[in-house]
Amino acid sequence: MPEPIPMAKIHPSLRELPRLERETCLTPYVIADAICREARYLTGSDVPMGYETWLVRRARQLYAMNPGFNRRLRADSGCDCLYAFLRHWITARLKREHPRLARQLPESYAIGVAPSVTL
């Protein structure tokens, strides 16, 4: 697994990017949008679409603070790992704020497994 690039070697225009985007090839906004659309389809409600920014912010904060999460996202399976975490987080938030909608998600969604239906 590659080590993060030292800040001194990063072009000044790229230093403004959050660590997650700077140190990995992941685009959390695209993944969060896909997860929210997936949850929207599964629940039949627009509620999950409001969680996109929250999911991205949470992923960035956890990446910056948690070395274990950091290593997982920099691994070869980092993209799959981020998808799984975002599915887990959106399920937990829906359970807390909109339990009726959360019950419409497949049980495996809470552990990050992609739905088996074609979207």
PDB file of N, CA and C in Angstrom:
ATOM      1  N   MET A   1       0.850  -1.169   0.000  1.00  0.00           N
ATOM      2  CA  MET A   1       0.000   0.000   0.000  1.00  0.00           C
ATOM      3  C   MET A   1       0.897   1.235   0.000  1.00  0.00           C
ATOM      4  N   PRO A   2       0.664   2.181  -0.916  1.00  0.00           N
ATOM      5  CA  PRO A   2       1.529   3.362  -1.002  1.00  0.00           C
ATOM      6  C   PRO A   2       1.330   4.308   0.182  1.00  0.00           C
ATOM      7  N   GLU A   3       2.393   4.979   0.529  1.00  0.00           N
ATOM      8  CA  GLU A   3       2.341   5.980   1.589  1.00  0.00           C
ATOM      9  C   GLU A   3       1.812   7.288   1.008  1.00  0.00           C
ATOM     10  N   PRO A   4       1.193   8.147   1.837  1.00  0.00           N
ATOM     11  CA  PRO A   4       0.729   9.443   1.344  1.00  0.00           C
ATOM     12  C   PRO A   4       1.897  10.280   0.825  1.00  0.00           C
ATOM     13  N   ILE A   5       1.626  11.108  -0.164  1.00  0.00           N
ATOM     14  CA  ILE A   5       2.647  11.981  -0.738  1.00  0.00           C
ATOM     15  C   ILE A   5       2.873  13.156   0.218  1.00  0.00           C
ATOM     16  N   PRO A   6       4.138  13.498   0.519  1.00  0.00           N
ATOM     17  CA  PRO A   6       4.408  14.644   1.405  1.00  0.00           C
ATOM     18  C   PRO A   6       3.853  15.944   0.812  1.00  0.00           C
ATOM     19  N   MET A   7       3.357  16.819   1.655  1.00  0.00           N
ATOM     20  CA  MET A   7       2.760  18.083   1.206  1.00  0.00           C
ATOM     21  C   MET A   7       3.725  18.908   0.361  1.00  0.00           C
ATOM     22  N   ALA A   8       5.001  18.853   0.656  1.00  0.00           N
ATOM     23  CA  ALA A   8       5.980  19.655  -0.083  1.00  0.00           C
ATOM     24  C   ALA A   8       6.048  19.260  -1.558  1.00  0.00           C
ATOM     25  N   LYS A   9       5.708  18.020  -1.869  1.00  0.00           N
ATOM     26  CA  LYS A   9       5.778  17.550  -3.248  1.00  0.00           C
ATOM     27  C   LYS A   9       4.476  17.763  -4.014  1.00  0.00           C
ATOM     28  N   ILE A  10       3.438  18.228  -3.341  1.00  0.00           N
ATOM     29  CA  ILE A  10       2.140  18.418  -3.981  1.00  0.00           C
ATOM     30  C   ILE A  10       2.053  19.832  -4.545  1.00  0.00           C
ATOM     31  N   HIS A  11       1.576  19.953  -5.753  1.00  0.00           N
ATOM     32  CA  HIS A  11       1.415  21.262  -6.388  1.00  0.00           C
ATOM     33  C   HIS A  11       0.499  22.128  -5.513  1.00  0.00           C
ATOM     34  N   PRO A  12       0.811  23.422  -5.345  1.00  0.00           N
ATOM     35  CA  PRO A  12       0.015  24.296  -4.471  1.00  0.00           C
ATOM     36  C   PRO A  12      -1.485  24.305  -4.789  1.00  0.00           C
ATOM     37  N   SER A  13      -1.848  24.180  -6.053  1.00  0.00           N
ATOM     38  CA  SER A  13      -3.277  24.204  -6.396  1.00  0.00           C
ATOM     39  C   SER A  13      -4.010  22.975  -5.879  1.00  0.00           C
ATOM     40  N   LEU A  14      -3.278  21.884  -5.661  1.00  0.00           N
ATOM     41  CA  LEU A  14      -3.904  20.656  -5.180  1.00  0.00           C
ATOM     42  C   LEU A  14      -3.906  20.543  -3.659  1.00  0.00           C
ATOM     43  N   ARG A  15      -3.174  21.392  -2.987  1.00  0.00           N
ATOM     44  CA  ARG A  15      -3.103  21.330  -1.518  1.00  0.00           C
ATOM     45  C   ARG A  15      -4.421  21.676  -0.858  1.00  0.00           C
ATOM     46  N   GLU A  16      -5.286  22.358  -1.588  1.00  0.00           N
ATOM     47  CA  GLU A  16      -6.579  22.752  -1.035  1.00  0.00           C
ATOM     48  C   GLU A  16      -7.556  21.576  -0.948  1.00  0.00           C
ATOM     49  N   LEU A  17      -7.296  20.528  -1.697  1.00  0.00           N
ATOM     50  CA  LEU A  17      -8.175  19.363  -1.666  1.00  0.00           C
ATOM     51  C   LEU A  17      -8.124  18.684  -0.300  1.00  0.00           C
ATOM     52  N   PRO A  18      -9.248  18.145   0.163  1.00  0.00           N
ATOM     53  CA  PRO A  18      -9.219  17.354   1.394  1.00  0.00           C
ATOM     54  C   PRO A  18      -8.305  16.144   1.216  1.00  0.00           C
ATOM     55  N   ARG A  19      -7.775  15.639   2.313  1.00  0.00           N
ATOM     56  CA  ARG A  19      -6.819  14.522   2.261  1.00  0.00           C
ATOM     57  C   ARG A  19      -7.359  13.324   1.495  1.00  0.00           C
ATOM     58  N   LEU A  20      -8.632  13.030   1.684  1.00  0.00           N
ATOM     59  CA  LEU A  20      -9.218  11.861   1.030  1.00  0.00           C
ATOM     60  C   LEU A  20      -9.047  11.933  -0.484  1.00  0.00           C
ATOM     61  N   GLU A  21      -9.363  13.066  -1.073  1.00  0.00           N
ATOM     62  CA  GLU A  21      -9.234  13.222  -2.520  1.00  0.00           C
ATOM     63  C   GLU A  21      -7.784  13.369  -2.956  1.00  0.00           C
ATOM     64  N   ARG A  22      -6.960  13.949  -2.100  1.00  0.00           N
ATOM     65  CA  ARG A  22      -5.558  14.189  -2.434  1.00  0.00           C
ATOM     66  C   ARG A  22      -4.737  12.899  -2.398  1.00  0.00           C
ATOM     67  N   GLU A  23      -5.030  12.018  -1.456  1.00  0.00           N
ATOM     68  CA  GLU A  23      -4.212  10.832  -1.243  1.00  0.00           C
ATOM     69  C   GLU A  23      -4.767   9.570  -1.884  1.00  0.00           C
ATOM     70  N   THR A  24      -5.976   9.618  -2.384  1.00  0.00           N
ATOM     71  CA  THR A  24      -6.561   8.449  -3.043  1.00  0.00           C
ATOM     72  C   THR A  24      -7.120   8.877  -4.397  1.00  0.00           C
ATOM     73  N   CYS A  25      -7.530   7.923  -5.170  1.00  0.00           N
ATOM     74  CA  CYS A  25      -8.176   8.242  -6.454  1.00  0.00           C
ATOM     75  C   CYS A  25      -9.691   8.242  -6.294  1.00  0.00           C
ATOM     76  N   LEU A  26     -10.173   8.248  -5.051  1.00  0.00           N
ATOM     77  CA  LEU A  26     -11.604   8.195  -4.787  1.00  0.00           C
ATOM     78  C   LEU A  26     -12.249   9.572  -4.943  1.00  0.00           C
ATOM     79  N   THR A  27     -13.485   9.587  -5.403  1.00  0.00           N
ATOM     80  CA  THR A  27     -14.273  10.813  -5.492  1.00  0.00           C
ATOM     81  C   THR A  27     -15.509  10.625  -4.616  1.00  0.00           C
ATOM     82  N   PRO A  28     -15.422  11.037  -3.350  1.00  0.00           N
ATOM     83  CA  PRO A  28     -16.512  10.751  -2.422  1.00  0.00           C
ATOM     84  C   PRO A  28     -17.860  11.355  -2.821  1.00  0.00           C
ATOM     85  N   TYR A  29     -17.865  12.509  -3.510  1.00  0.00           N
ATOM     86  CA  TYR A  29     -19.145  13.078  -3.919  1.00  0.00           C
ATOM     87  C   TYR A  29     -19.860  12.183  -4.925  1.00  0.00           C
ATOM     88  N   VAL A  30     -19.119  11.600  -5.838  1.00  0.00           N
ATOM     89  CA  VAL A  30     -19.724  10.719  -6.835  1.00  0.00           C
ATOM     90  C   VAL A  30     -20.271   9.461  -6.154  1.00  0.00           C
ATOM     91  N   ILE A  31     -19.505   8.909  -5.244  1.00  0.00           N
ATOM     92  CA  ILE A  31     -19.936   7.695  -4.542  1.00  0.00           C
ATOM     93  C   ILE A  31     -21.127   7.986  -3.638  1.00  0.00           C
ATOM     94  N   ALA A  32     -21.091   9.119  -2.931  1.00  0.00           N
ATOM     95  CA  ALA A  32     -22.217   9.493  -2.061  1.00  0.00           C
ATOM     96  C   ALA A  32     -23.479   9.720  -2.889  1.00  0.00           C
ATOM     97  N   ASP A  33     -23.338  10.331  -4.049  1.00  0.00           N
ATOM     98  CA  ASP A  33     -24.489  10.550  -4.922  1.00  0.00           C
ATOM     99  C   ASP A  33     -25.072   9.205  -5.368  1.00  0.00           C
ATOM    100  N   ALA A  34     -24.210   8.277  -5.724  1.00  0.00           N
ATOM    101  CA  ALA A  34     -24.671   6.954  -6.154  1.00  0.00           C
ATOM    102  C   ALA A  34     -25.397   6.223  -5.019  1.00  0.00           C
ATOM    103  N   ILE A  35     -24.858   6.321  -3.809  1.00  0.00           N
ATOM    104  CA  ILE A  35     -25.479   5.665  -2.652  1.00  0.00           C
ATOM    105  C   ILE A  35     -26.829   6.298  -2.336  1.00  0.00           C
ATOM    106  N   CYS A  36     -26.901   7.622  -2.390  1.00  0.00           N
ATOM    107  CA  CYS A  36     -28.171   8.308  -2.115  1.00  0.00           C
ATOM    108  C   CYS A  36     -29.220   7.958  -3.170  1.00  0.00           C
ATOM    109  N   ARG A  37     -28.802   7.882  -4.424  1.00  0.00           N
ATOM    110  CA  ARG A  37     -29.737   7.493  -5.490  1.00  0.00           C
ATOM    111  C   ARG A  37     -30.196   6.045  -5.315  1.00  0.00           C
ATOM    112  N   GLU A  38     -29.278   5.196  -4.907  1.00  0.00           N
ATOM    113  CA  GLU A  38     -29.607   3.800  -4.647  1.00  0.00           C
ATOM    114  C   GLU A  38     -30.635   3.701  -3.515  1.00  0.00           C
ATOM    115  N   ALA A  39     -30.391   4.419  -2.424  1.00  0.00           N
ATOM    116  CA  ALA A  39     -31.314   4.407  -1.285  1.00  0.00           C
ATOM    117  C   ALA A  39     -32.652   5.041  -1.664  1.00  0.00           C
ATOM    118  N   ARG A  40     -32.599   6.070  -2.477  1.00  0.00           N
ATOM    119  CA  ARG A  40     -33.833   6.704  -2.935  1.00  0.00           C
ATOM    120  C   ARG A  40     -34.669   5.701  -3.734  1.00  0.00           C
ATOM    121  N   TYR A  41     -34.032   4.960  -4.607  1.00  0.00           N
ATOM    122  CA  TYR A  41     -34.721   3.958  -5.407  1.00  0.00           C
ATOM    123  C   TYR A  41     -35.325   2.869  -4.515  1.00  0.00           C
ATOM    124  N   LEU A  42     -34.554   2.407  -3.547  1.00  0.00           N
ATOM    125  CA  LEU A  42     -34.998   1.312  -2.684  1.00  0.00           C
ATOM    126  C   LEU A  42     -36.118   1.724  -1.737  1.00  0.00           C
ATOM    127  N   THR A  43     -36.099   2.987  -1.286  1.00  0.00           N
ATOM    128  CA  THR A  43     -37.126   3.453  -0.352  1.00  0.00           C
ATOM    129  C   THR A  43     -38.307   4.105  -1.047  1.00  0.00           C
ATOM    130  N   GLY A  44     -38.104   4.551  -2.281  1.00  0.00           N
ATOM    131  CA  GLY A  44     -39.170   5.248  -2.990  1.00  0.00           C
ATOM    132  C   GLY A  44     -39.425   6.632  -2.438  1.00  0.00           C
ATOM    133  N   SER A  45     -38.404   7.230  -1.835  1.00  0.00           N
ATOM    134  CA  SER A  45     -38.533   8.545  -1.213  1.00  0.00           C
ATOM    135  C   SER A  45     -37.338   9.426  -1.575  1.00  0.00           C
ATOM    136  N   ASP A  46     -37.543  10.735  -1.550  1.00  0.00           N
ATOM    137  CA  ASP A  46     -36.462  11.682  -1.823  1.00  0.00           C
ATOM    138  C   ASP A  46     -35.601  11.973  -0.594  1.00  0.00           C
ATOM    139  N   VAL A  47     -36.009  11.516   0.563  1.00  0.00           N
ATOM    140  CA  VAL A  47     -35.292  11.822   1.810  1.00  0.00           C
ATOM    141  C   VAL A  47     -33.799  11.498   1.742  1.00  0.00           C
ATOM    142  N   PRO A  48     -33.382  10.323   1.274  1.00  0.00           N
ATOM    143  CA  PRO A  48     -31.946  10.016   1.292  1.00  0.00           C
ATOM    144  C   PRO A  48     -31.084  10.975   0.471  1.00  0.00           C
ATOM    145  N   MET A  49     -31.655  11.670  -0.500  1.00  0.00           N
ATOM    146  CA  MET A  49     -30.850  12.569  -1.336  1.00  0.00           C
ATOM    147  C   MET A  49     -30.270  13.725  -0.522  1.00  0.00           C
ATOM    148  N   GLY A  50     -30.868  14.070   0.585  1.00  0.00           N
ATOM    149  CA  GLY A  50     -30.356  15.147   1.428  1.00  0.00           C
ATOM    150  C   GLY A  50     -29.130  14.761   2.236  1.00  0.00           C
ATOM    151  N   TYR A  51     -28.757  13.501   2.213  1.00  0.00           N
ATOM    152  CA  TYR A  51     -27.643  13.023   3.029  1.00  0.00           C
ATOM    153  C   TYR A  51     -26.302  13.016   2.305  1.00  0.00           C
ATOM    154  N   GLU A  52     -26.286  13.407   1.068  1.00  0.00           N
ATOM    155  CA  GLU A  52     -25.066  13.336   0.268  1.00  0.00           C
ATOM    156  C   GLU A  52     -23.907  14.114   0.893  1.00  0.00           C
ATOM    157  N   THR A  53     -24.127  15.366   1.234  1.00  0.00           N
ATOM    158  CA  THR A  53     -23.066  16.195   1.816  1.00  0.00           C
ATOM    159  C   THR A  53     -22.618  15.638   3.155  1.00  0.00           C
ATOM    160  N   TRP A  54     -23.561  15.155   3.943  1.00  0.00           N
ATOM    161  CA  TRP A  54     -23.229  14.581   5.243  1.00  0.00           C
ATOM    162  C   TRP A  54     -22.332  13.351   5.081  1.00  0.00           C
ATOM    163  N   LEU A  55     -22.645  12.490   4.107  1.00  0.00           N
ATOM    164  CA  LEU A  55     -21.830  11.296   3.872  1.00  0.00           C
ATOM    165  C   LEU A  55     -20.403  11.674   3.467  1.00  0.00           C
ATOM    166  N   VAL A  56     -20.262  12.654   2.590  1.00  0.00           N
ATOM    167  CA  VAL A  56     -18.935  13.080   2.144  1.00  0.00           C
ATOM    168  C   VAL A  56     -18.145  13.668   3.304  1.00  0.00           C
ATOM    169  N   ARG A  57     -18.771  14.527   4.078  1.00  0.00           N
ATOM    170  CA  ARG A  57     -18.092  15.149   5.219  1.00  0.00           C
ATOM    171  C   ARG A  57     -17.650  14.091   6.228  1.00  0.00           C
ATOM    172  N   ARG A  58     -18.512  13.127   6.482  1.00  0.00           N
ATOM    173  CA  ARG A  58     -18.169  12.063   7.434  1.00  0.00           C
ATOM    174  C   ARG A  58     -16.997  11.224   6.922  1.00  0.00           C
ATOM    175  N   ALA A  59     -17.004  10.883   5.646  1.00  0.00           N
ATOM    176  CA  ALA A  59     -15.910  10.097   5.070  1.00  0.00           C
ATOM    177  C   ALA A  59     -14.593  10.866   5.157  1.00  0.00           C
ATOM    178  N   ARG A  60     -14.622  12.153   4.841  1.00  0.00           N
ATOM    179  CA  ARG A  60     -13.406  12.971   4.903  1.00  0.00           C
ATOM    180  C   ARG A  60     -12.878  13.078   6.334  1.00  0.00           C
ATOM    181  N   GLN A  61     -13.774  13.293   7.289  1.00  0.00           N
ATOM    182  CA  GLN A  61     -13.349  13.416   8.684  1.00  0.00           C
ATOM    183  C   GLN A  61     -12.763  12.108   9.189  1.00  0.00           C
ATOM    184  N   LEU A  62     -13.407  11.018   8.894  1.00  0.00           N
ATOM    185  CA  LEU A  62     -12.917   9.729   9.365  1.00  0.00           C
ATOM    186  C   LEU A  62     -11.583   9.387   8.712  1.00  0.00           C
ATOM    187  N   TYR A  63     -11.432   9.708   7.434  1.00  0.00           N
ATOM    188  CA  TYR A  63     -10.173   9.454   6.735  1.00  0.00           C
ATOM    189  C   TYR A  63      -9.047  10.258   7.377  1.00  0.00           C
ATOM    190  N   ALA A  64      -9.326  11.483   7.747  1.00  0.00           N
ATOM    191  CA  ALA A  64      -8.303  12.352   8.333  1.00  0.00           C
ATOM    192  C   ALA A  64      -7.922  11.936   9.753  1.00  0.00           C
ATOM    193  N   MET A  65      -8.831  11.269  10.471  1.00  0.00           N
ATOM    194  CA  MET A  65      -8.601  10.999  11.885  1.00  0.00           C
ATOM    195  C   MET A  65      -8.332   9.532  12.224  1.00  0.00           C
ATOM    196  N   ASN A  66      -8.736   8.602  11.363  1.00  0.00           N
ATOM    197  CA  ASN A  66      -8.679   7.197  11.719  1.00  0.00           C
ATOM    198  C   ASN A  66      -7.695   6.458  10.808  1.00  0.00           C
ATOM    199  N   PRO A  67      -6.538   6.059  11.326  1.00  0.00           N
ATOM    200  CA  PRO A  67      -5.540   5.372  10.499  1.00  0.00           C
ATOM    201  C   PRO A  67      -6.047   4.066   9.874  1.00  0.00           C
ATOM    202  N   GLY A  68      -6.898   3.341  10.552  1.00  0.00           N
ATOM    203  CA  GLY A  68      -7.431   2.095  10.017  1.00  0.00           C
ATOM    204  C   GLY A  68      -8.328   2.335   8.811  1.00  0.00           C
ATOM    205  N   PHE A  69      -9.198   3.323   8.926  1.00  0.00           N
ATOM    206  CA  PHE A  69     -10.075   3.698   7.817  1.00  0.00           C
ATOM    207  C   PHE A  69      -9.234   4.220   6.649  1.00  0.00           C
ATOM    208  N   ASN A  70      -8.224   4.996   7.001  1.00  0.00           N
ATOM    209  CA  ASN A  70      -7.283   5.558   6.031  1.00  0.00           C
ATOM    210  C   ASN A  70      -6.628   4.443   5.210  1.00  0.00           C
ATOM    211  N   ARG A  71      -6.129   3.424   5.882  1.00  0.00           N
ATOM    212  CA  ARG A  71      -5.475   2.296   5.201  1.00  0.00           C
ATOM    213  C   ARG A  71      -6.456   1.543   4.296  1.00  0.00           C
ATOM    214  N   ARG A  72      -7.669   1.344   4.779  1.00  0.00           N
ATOM    215  CA  ARG A  72      -8.664   0.624   3.985  1.00  0.00           C
ATOM    216  C   ARG A  72      -8.970   1.347   2.675  1.00  0.00           C
ATOM    217  N   LEU A  73      -9.099   2.665   2.737  1.00  0.00           N
ATOM    218  CA  LEU A  73      -9.444   3.415   1.528  1.00  0.00           C
ATOM    219  C   LEU A  73      -8.269   3.541   0.566  1.00  0.00           C
ATOM    220  N   ARG A  74      -7.042   3.436   1.059  1.00  0.00           N
ATOM    221  CA  ARG A  74      -5.873   3.496   0.174  1.00  0.00           C
ATOM    222  C   ARG A  74      -5.532   2.136  -0.420  1.00  0.00           C
ATOM    223  N   ALA A  75      -6.175   1.089   0.048  1.00  0.00           N
ATOM    224  CA  ALA A  75      -5.924  -0.259  -0.481  1.00  0.00           C
ATOM    225  C   ALA A  75      -6.571  -0.408  -1.859  1.00  0.00           C
ATOM    226  N   ASP A  76      -6.278  -1.510  -2.515  1.00  0.00           N
ATOM    227  CA  ASP A  76      -6.841  -1.765  -3.846  1.00  0.00           C
ATOM    228  C   ASP A  76      -8.366  -1.824  -3.828  1.00  0.00           C
ATOM    229  N   SER A  77      -8.931  -2.272  -2.735  1.00  0.00           N
ATOM    230  CA  SER A  77     -10.391  -2.382  -2.628  1.00  0.00           C
ATOM    231  C   SER A  77     -11.006  -1.154  -1.956  1.00  0.00           C
ATOM    232  N   GLY A  78     -10.309  -0.025  -1.973  1.00  0.00           N
ATOM    233  CA  GLY A  78     -10.770   1.189  -1.300  1.00  0.00           C
ATOM    234  C   GLY A  78     -12.119   1.681  -1.767  1.00  0.00           C
ATOM    235  N   CYS A  79     -12.370   1.605  -3.062  1.00  0.00           N
ATOM    236  CA  CYS A  79     -13.644   2.071  -3.605  1.00  0.00           C
ATOM    237  C   CYS A  79     -14.797   1.217  -3.074  1.00  0.00           C
ATOM    238  N   ASP A  80     -14.633  -0.091  -3.105  1.00  0.00           N
ATOM    239  CA  ASP A  80     -15.665  -0.993  -2.585  1.00  0.00           C
ATOM    240  C   ASP A  80     -15.888  -0.765  -1.097  1.00  0.00           C
ATOM    241  N   CYS A  81     -14.810  -0.517  -0.387  1.00  0.00           N
ATOM    242  CA  CYS A  81     -14.885  -0.261   1.052  1.00  0.00           C
ATOM    243  C   CYS A  81     -15.676   1.019   1.332  1.00  0.00           C
ATOM    244  N   LEU A  82     -15.410   2.070   0.560  1.00  0.00           N
ATOM    245  CA  LEU A  82     -16.130   3.331   0.763  1.00  0.00           C
ATOM    246  C   LEU A  82     -17.616   3.159   0.448  1.00  0.00           C
ATOM    247  N   TYR A  83     -17.939   2.439  -0.594  1.00  0.00           N
ATOM    248  CA  TYR A  83     -19.349   2.143  -0.899  1.00  0.00           C
ATOM    249  C   TYR A  83     -20.012   1.447   0.283  1.00  0.00           C
ATOM    250  N   ALA A  84     -19.338   0.442   0.853  1.00  0.00           N
ATOM    251  CA  ALA A  84     -19.908  -0.309   1.972  1.00  0.00           C
ATOM    252  C   ALA A  84     -20.126   0.585   3.194  1.00  0.00           C
ATOM    253  N   PHE A  85     -19.140   1.415   3.513  1.00  0.00           N
ATOM    254  CA  PHE A  85     -19.282   2.316   4.660  1.00  0.00           C
ATOM    255  C   PHE A  85     -20.436   3.296   4.454  1.00  0.00           C
ATOM    256  N   LEU A  86     -20.544   3.865   3.270  1.00  0.00           N
ATOM    257  CA  LEU A  86     -21.604   4.831   3.012  1.00  0.00           C
ATOM    258  C   LEU A  86     -22.982   4.186   3.079  1.00  0.00           C
ATOM    259  N   ARG A  87     -23.107   2.958   2.591  1.00  0.00           N
ATOM    260  CA  ARG A  87     -24.385   2.239   2.723  1.00  0.00           C
ATOM    261  C   ARG A  87     -24.725   2.027   4.202  1.00  0.00           C
ATOM    262  N   HIS A  88     -23.730   1.643   4.971  1.00  0.00           N
ATOM    263  CA  HIS A  88     -23.931   1.417   6.401  1.00  0.00           C
ATOM    264  C   HIS A  88     -24.367   2.712   7.097  1.00  0.00           C
ATOM    265  N   TRP A  89     -23.676   3.808   6.806  1.00  0.00           N
ATOM    266  CA  TRP A  89     -23.988   5.085   7.456  1.00  0.00           C
ATOM    267  C   TRP A  89     -25.367   5.612   7.088  1.00  0.00           C
ATOM    268  N   ILE A  90     -25.728   5.496   5.812  1.00  0.00           N
ATOM    269  CA  ILE A  90     -27.043   6.018   5.416  1.00  0.00           C
ATOM    270  C   ILE A  90     -28.159   5.179   6.029  1.00  0.00           C
ATOM    271  N   THR A  91     -27.939   3.873   6.164  1.00  0.00           N
ATOM    272  CA  THR A  91     -28.929   3.015   6.814  1.00  0.00           C
ATOM    273  C   THR A  91     -29.099   3.412   8.274  1.00  0.00           C
ATOM    274  N   ALA A  92     -27.991   3.634   8.966  1.00  0.00           N
ATOM    275  CA  ALA A  92     -28.064   4.021  10.379  1.00  0.00           C
ATOM    276  C   ALA A  92     -28.788   5.349  10.550  1.00  0.00           C
ATOM    277  N   ARG A  93     -28.502   6.294   9.680  1.00  0.00           N
ATOM    278  CA  ARG A  93     -29.163   7.604   9.799  1.00  0.00           C
ATOM    279  C   ARG A  93     -30.647   7.498   9.474  1.00  0.00           C
ATOM    280  N   LEU A  94     -30.991   6.729   8.474  1.00  0.00           N
ATOM    281  CA  LEU A  94     -32.409   6.535   8.168  1.00  0.00           C
ATOM    282  C   LEU A  94     -33.131   5.838   9.319  1.00  0.00           C
ATOM    283  N   LYS A  95     -32.486   4.860   9.946  1.00  0.00           N
ATOM    284  CA  LYS A  95     -33.107   4.179  11.094  1.00  0.00           C
ATOM    285  C   LYS A  95     -33.388   5.150  12.226  1.00  0.00           C
ATOM    286  N   ARG A  96     -32.479   6.088  12.414  1.00  0.00           N
ATOM    287  CA  ARG A  96     -32.615   7.064  13.485  1.00  0.00           C
ATOM    288  C   ARG A  96     -33.663   8.126  13.151  1.00  0.00           C
ATOM    289  N   GLU A  97     -33.661   8.630  11.924  1.00  0.00           N
ATOM    290  CA  GLU A  97     -34.511   9.764  11.577  1.00  0.00           C
ATOM    291  C   GLU A  97     -35.798   9.380  10.846  1.00  0.00           C
ATOM    292  N   HIS A  98     -35.765   8.281  10.093  1.00  0.00           N
ATOM    293  CA  HIS A  98     -36.928   7.857   9.308  1.00  0.00           C
ATOM    294  C   HIS A  98     -37.034   6.334   9.343  1.00  0.00           C
ATOM    295  N   PRO A  99     -37.435   5.779  10.488  1.00  0.00           N
ATOM    296  CA  PRO A  99     -37.457   4.319  10.636  1.00  0.00           C
ATOM    297  C   PRO A  99     -38.329   3.603   9.593  1.00  0.00           C
ATOM    298  N   ARG A 100     -39.419   4.226   9.183  1.00  0.00           N
ATOM    299  CA  ARG A 100     -40.296   3.601   8.183  1.00  0.00           C
ATOM    300  C   ARG A 100     -39.547   3.398   6.864  1.00  0.00           C
ATOM    301  N   LEU A 101     -38.764   4.382   6.464  1.00  0.00           N
ATOM    302  CA  LEU A 101     -37.980   4.258   5.231  1.00  0.00           C
ATOM    303  C   LEU A 101     -36.866   3.228   5.391  1.00  0.00           C
ATOM    304  N   ALA A 102     -36.240   3.213   6.554  1.00  0.00           N
ATOM    305  CA  ALA A 102     -35.132   2.278   6.793  1.00  0.00           C
ATOM    306  C   ALA A 102     -35.598   0.833   6.684  1.00  0.00           C
ATOM    307  N   ARG A 103     -36.833   0.564   7.081  1.00  0.00           N
ATOM    308  CA  ARG A 103     -37.361  -0.799   6.997  1.00  0.00           C
ATOM    309  C   ARG A 103     -37.539  -1.265   5.549  1.00  0.00           C
ATOM    310  N   GLN A 104     -37.569  -0.330   4.614  1.00  0.00           N
ATOM    311  CA  GLN A 104     -37.733  -0.697   3.205  1.00  0.00           C
ATOM    312  C   GLN A 104     -36.408  -1.113   2.557  1.00  0.00           C
ATOM    313  N   LEU A 105     -35.302  -0.828   3.230  1.00  0.00           N
ATOM    314  CA  LEU A 105     -33.995  -1.235   2.709  1.00  0.00           C
ATOM    315  C   LEU A 105     -33.765  -2.716   2.982  1.00  0.00           C
ATOM    316  N   PRO A 106     -33.053  -3.403   2.102  1.00  0.00           N
ATOM    317  CA  PRO A 106     -32.718  -4.806   2.387  1.00  0.00           C
ATOM    318  C   PRO A 106     -31.875  -4.898   3.664  1.00  0.00           C
ATOM    319  N   GLU A 107     -32.033  -5.973   4.413  1.00  0.00           N
ATOM    320  CA  GLU A 107     -31.280  -6.119   5.667  1.00  0.00           C
ATOM    321  C   GLU A 107     -29.776  -6.071   5.437  1.00  0.00           C
ATOM    322  N   SER A 108     -29.317  -6.610   4.327  1.00  0.00           N
ATOM    323  CA  SER A 108     -27.882  -6.642   4.047  1.00  0.00           C
ATOM    324  C   SER A 108     -27.313  -5.253   3.733  1.00  0.00           C
ATOM    325  N   TYR A 109     -28.174  -4.299   3.454  1.00  0.00           N
ATOM    326  CA  TYR A 109     -27.718  -2.937   3.134  1.00  0.00           C
ATOM    327  C   TYR A 109     -26.986  -2.321   4.331  1.00  0.00           C
ATOM    328  N   ALA A 110     -27.428  -2.652   5.529  1.00  0.00           N
ATOM    329  CA  ALA A 110     -26.821  -2.101   6.750  1.00  0.00           C
ATOM    330  C   ALA A 110     -25.389  -2.567   6.956  1.00  0.00           C
ATOM    331  N   ILE A 111     -24.999  -3.678   6.346  1.00  0.00           N
ATOM    332  CA  ILE A 111     -23.615  -4.123   6.459  1.00  0.00           C
ATOM    333  C   ILE A 111     -22.830  -3.817   5.186  1.00  0.00           C
ATOM    334  N   GLY A 112     -23.422  -2.993   4.319  1.00  0.00           N
ATOM    335  CA  GLY A 112     -22.703  -2.503   3.158  1.00  0.00           C
ATOM    336  C   GLY A 112     -22.826  -3.314   1.888  1.00  0.00           C
ATOM    337  N   VAL A 113     -23.718  -4.305   1.886  1.00  0.00           N
ATOM    338  CA  VAL A 113     -23.860  -5.140   0.698  1.00  0.00           C
ATOM    339  C   VAL A 113     -24.766  -4.427  -0.310  1.00  0.00           C
ATOM    340  N   ALA A 114     -24.333  -4.405  -1.557  1.00  0.00           N
ATOM    341  CA  ALA A 114     -25.117  -3.768  -2.614  1.00  0.00           C
ATOM    342  C   ALA A 114     -26.409  -4.538  -2.849  1.00  0.00           C
ATOM    343  N   PRO A 115     -27.473  -3.829  -3.189  1.00  0.00           N
ATOM    344  CA  PRO A 115     -28.724  -4.537  -3.461  1.00  0.00           C
ATOM    345  C   PRO A 115     -28.582  -5.401  -4.706  1.00  0.00           C
ATOM    346  N   SER A 116     -29.350  -6.466  -4.752  1.00  0.00           N
ATOM    347  CA  SER A 116     -29.233  -7.394  -5.875  1.00  0.00           C
ATOM    348  C   SER A 116     -30.142  -7.022  -7.043  1.00  0.00           C
ATOM    349  N   VAL A 117     -30.904  -5.932  -6.901  1.00  0.00           N
ATOM    350  CA  VAL A 117     -31.779  -5.500  -7.998  1.00  0.00           C
ATOM    351  C   VAL A 117     -31.005  -4.618  -8.955  1.00  0.00           C
ATOM    352  N   THR A 118     -31.424  -4.591 -10.189  1.00  0.00           N
ATOM    353  CA  THR A 118     -30.793  -3.733 -11.178  1.00  0.00           C
ATOM    354  C   THR A 118     -31.416  -2.355 -11.090  1.00  0.00           C
ATOM    355  N   LEU A 119     -30.572  -1.351 -10.891  1.00  0.00           N
ATOM    356  CA  LEU A 119     -31.100   0.022 -10.762  1.00  0.00           C
ATOM    357  C   LEU A 119     -31.208   0.683 -12.106  1.00  0.00           C
TER     358      LEU A 119
END
